[in-house]
Amino acid sequence: MWQYFGPDFAFDVVKGVVAGIASLAFQVVAPRTFRAARQFRARWVARKYARQARRKAAKEES
């Protein structure tokens, strides 16, 4: 009897284990990724405003 649905059952179990590991890995990596993206955006915006301030100061000196 196992010979009929055993291979399919084993394949489904392996797929479930792989999906579970991938889910756990995503839960670990996602917060770090979002935090890094937030920091990158904050630095980008800070540089943008610094460039604008430099341009404005240079324009006022002229």
N, C-alpha and C. Protein backbone atom coordinates (compact mmCIF):
# COMPACT_ATOMS: atom_id res chain seq x y z
N MET A 1 0.81 -1.18 0.00
CA MET A 1 0.00 0.00 0.00
C MET A 1 0.87 1.27 0.00
N TRP A 2 1.95 1.27 0.81
CA TRP A 2 2.86 2.42 0.82
C TRP A 2 3.50 2.65 -0.53
N GLN A 3 3.61 1.60 -1.30
CA GLN A 3 4.27 1.74 -2.60
C GLN A 3 3.47 2.63 -3.55
N TYR A 4 2.20 2.81 -3.29
CA TYR A 4 1.38 3.64 -4.17
C TYR A 4 1.44 5.12 -3.80
N PHE A 5 1.28 5.41 -2.51
CA PHE A 5 1.26 6.82 -2.14
C PHE A 5 2.45 7.22 -1.27
N GLY A 6 3.35 6.32 -0.98
CA GLY A 6 4.54 6.63 -0.18
C GLY A 6 5.44 7.68 -0.82
N PRO A 7 5.80 7.52 -2.10
CA PRO A 7 6.67 8.52 -2.73
C PRO A 7 6.02 9.92 -2.78
N ASP A 8 4.73 9.97 -3.06
CA ASP A 8 4.04 11.26 -3.08
C ASP A 8 4.01 11.88 -1.69
N PHE A 9 3.76 11.05 -0.68
CA PHE A 9 3.73 11.53 0.69
C PHE A 9 5.09 12.07 1.11
N ALA A 10 6.14 11.32 0.78
CA ALA A 10 7.50 11.75 1.13
C ALA A 10 7.84 13.05 0.42
N PHE A 11 7.46 13.18 -0.84
CA PHE A 11 7.72 14.41 -1.59
C PHE A 11 7.00 15.58 -0.96
N ASP A 12 5.75 15.39 -0.52
CA ASP A 12 4.98 16.45 0.13
C ASP A 12 5.60 16.84 1.47
N VAL A 13 6.11 15.85 2.20
CA VAL A 13 6.76 16.15 3.47
C VAL A 13 8.02 16.99 3.23
N VAL A 14 8.80 16.62 2.24
CA VAL A 14 10.02 17.38 1.93
C VAL A 14 9.67 18.80 1.49
N LYS A 15 8.65 18.94 0.66
CA LYS A 15 8.22 20.28 0.24
C LYS A 15 7.79 21.11 1.44
N GLY A 16 7.09 20.51 2.38
CA GLY A 16 6.65 21.22 3.58
C GLY A 16 7.82 21.66 4.44
N VAL A 17 8.80 20.79 4.59
CA VAL A 17 9.98 21.15 5.38
C VAL A 17 10.73 22.30 4.72
N VAL A 18 10.92 22.22 3.41
CA VAL A 18 11.62 23.29 2.69
C VAL A 18 10.85 24.60 2.79
N ALA A 19 9.53 24.54 2.65
CA ALA A 19 8.72 25.75 2.77
C ALA A 19 8.80 26.34 4.18
N GLY A 20 8.80 25.47 5.18
CA GLY A 20 8.91 25.95 6.56
C GLY A 20 10.24 26.62 6.84
N ILE A 21 11.32 26.03 6.33
CA ILE A 21 12.65 26.63 6.51
C ILE A 21 12.72 27.98 5.79
N ALA A 22 12.16 28.04 4.58
CA ALA A 22 12.16 29.30 3.83
C ALA A 22 11.35 30.36 4.57
N SER A 23 10.24 29.97 5.16
CA SER A 23 9.42 30.92 5.91
C SER A 23 10.17 31.45 7.12
N LEU A 24 10.82 30.58 7.85
CA LEU A 24 11.60 31.02 9.02
C LEU A 24 12.74 31.93 8.60
N ALA A 25 13.42 31.58 7.51
CA ALA A 25 14.52 32.41 7.02
C ALA A 25 14.02 33.79 6.64
N PHE A 26 12.87 33.85 5.98
CA PHE A 26 12.31 35.15 5.59
C PHE A 26 11.95 35.98 6.82
N GLN A 27 11.42 35.34 7.84
CA GLN A 27 11.06 36.07 9.06
C GLN A 27 12.28 36.63 9.77
N VAL A 28 13.42 35.98 9.60
CA VAL A 28 14.65 36.48 10.22
C VAL A 28 15.24 37.61 9.39
N VAL A 29 15.23 37.45 8.07
CA VAL A 29 15.91 38.40 7.19
C VAL A 29 15.08 39.66 6.92
N ALA A 30 13.78 39.54 6.85
CA ALA A 30 12.92 40.67 6.46
C ALA A 30 13.09 41.89 7.36
N PRO A 31 13.05 41.77 8.69
CA PRO A 31 13.20 42.97 9.51
C PRO A 31 14.55 43.66 9.30
N ARG A 32 15.59 42.88 9.14
CA ARG A 32 16.91 43.47 8.90
C ARG A 32 16.95 44.20 7.56
N THR A 33 16.30 43.62 6.57
CA THR A 33 16.26 44.24 5.25
C THR A 33 15.50 45.55 5.30
N PHE A 34 14.35 45.57 5.94
CA PHE A 34 13.57 46.80 6.04
C PHE A 34 14.32 47.87 6.83
N ARG A 35 15.01 47.46 7.88
CA ARG A 35 15.78 48.41 8.68
C ARG A 35 16.90 49.02 7.84
N ALA A 36 17.60 48.17 7.07
CA ALA A 36 18.67 48.67 6.21
C ALA A 36 18.13 49.60 5.14
N ALA A 37 16.97 49.28 4.58
CA ALA A 37 16.37 50.15 3.56
C ALA A 37 15.97 51.49 4.17
N ARG A 38 15.44 51.47 5.37
CA ARG A 38 15.06 52.72 6.04
C ARG A 38 16.29 53.59 6.30
N GLN A 39 17.38 52.97 6.76
CA GLN A 39 18.61 53.73 7.00
C GLN A 39 19.18 54.29 5.71
N PHE A 40 19.14 53.50 4.64
CA PHE A 40 19.63 53.96 3.35
C PHE A 40 18.82 55.17 2.88
N ARG A 41 17.51 55.09 3.01
CA ARG A 41 16.65 56.20 2.59
C ARG A 41 16.91 57.45 3.43
N ALA A 42 17.10 57.27 4.72
CA ALA A 42 17.38 58.42 5.59
C ALA A 42 18.69 59.09 5.19
N ARG A 43 19.70 58.30 4.91
CA ARG A 43 20.98 58.87 4.48
C ARG A 43 20.85 59.57 3.14
N TRP A 44 20.08 58.96 2.24
CA TRP A 44 19.88 59.54 0.91
C TRP A 44 19.20 60.91 1.02
N VAL A 45 18.17 60.98 1.84
CA VAL A 45 17.44 62.24 2.01
C VAL A 45 18.34 63.28 2.68
N ALA A 46 19.13 62.87 3.66
CA ALA A 46 20.03 63.81 4.33
C ALA A 46 21.05 64.37 3.33
N ARG A 47 21.60 63.52 2.47
CA ARG A 47 22.54 63.99 1.46
C ARG A 47 21.86 64.95 0.49
N LYS A 48 20.63 64.64 0.13
CA LYS A 48 19.87 65.49 -0.81
C LYS A 48 19.72 66.89 -0.23
N TYR A 49 19.29 66.97 1.03
CA TYR A 49 19.11 68.28 1.65
C TYR A 49 20.44 69.00 1.85
N ALA A 50 21.50 68.26 2.13
CA ALA A 50 22.82 68.87 2.27
C ALA A 50 23.27 69.47 0.94
N ARG A 51 23.03 68.75 -0.17
CA ARG A 51 23.38 69.28 -1.49
C ARG A 51 22.59 70.55 -1.79
N GLN A 52 21.29 70.52 -1.48
CA GLN A 52 20.47 71.70 -1.72
C GLN A 52 20.95 72.89 -0.89
N ALA A 53 21.33 72.64 0.34
CA ALA A 53 21.82 73.72 1.20
C ALA A 53 23.13 74.28 0.66
N ARG A 54 24.03 73.42 0.19
CA ARG A 54 25.29 73.88 -0.39
C ARG A 54 25.05 74.73 -1.63
N ARG A 55 24.13 74.28 -2.49
CA ARG A 55 23.82 75.04 -3.70
C ARG A 55 23.23 76.40 -3.35
N LYS A 56 22.34 76.42 -2.36
CA LYS A 56 21.72 77.67 -1.96
C LYS A 56 22.77 78.62 -1.38
N ALA A 57 23.70 78.09 -0.56
CA ALA A 57 24.75 78.91 0.02
C ALA A 57 25.68 79.43 -1.07
N ALA A 58 26.01 78.61 -2.04
CA ALA A 58 26.89 79.03 -3.13
C ALA A 58 26.21 80.09 -3.98
N LYS A 59 24.91 79.95 -4.17
CA LYS A 59 24.16 80.91 -4.98
C LYS A 59 24.10 82.26 -4.25
N GLU A 60 23.94 82.24 -2.94
CA GLU A 60 23.86 83.48 -2.17
C GLU A 60 25.20 84.20 -2.11
N GLU A 61 26.30 83.44 -2.16
CA GLU A 61 27.64 84.07 -2.15
C GLU A 61 27.92 84.79 -3.44
N SER A 62 27.35 84.31 -4.53
CA SER A 62 27.62 84.92 -5.84
C SER A 62 26.95 86.25 -6.02
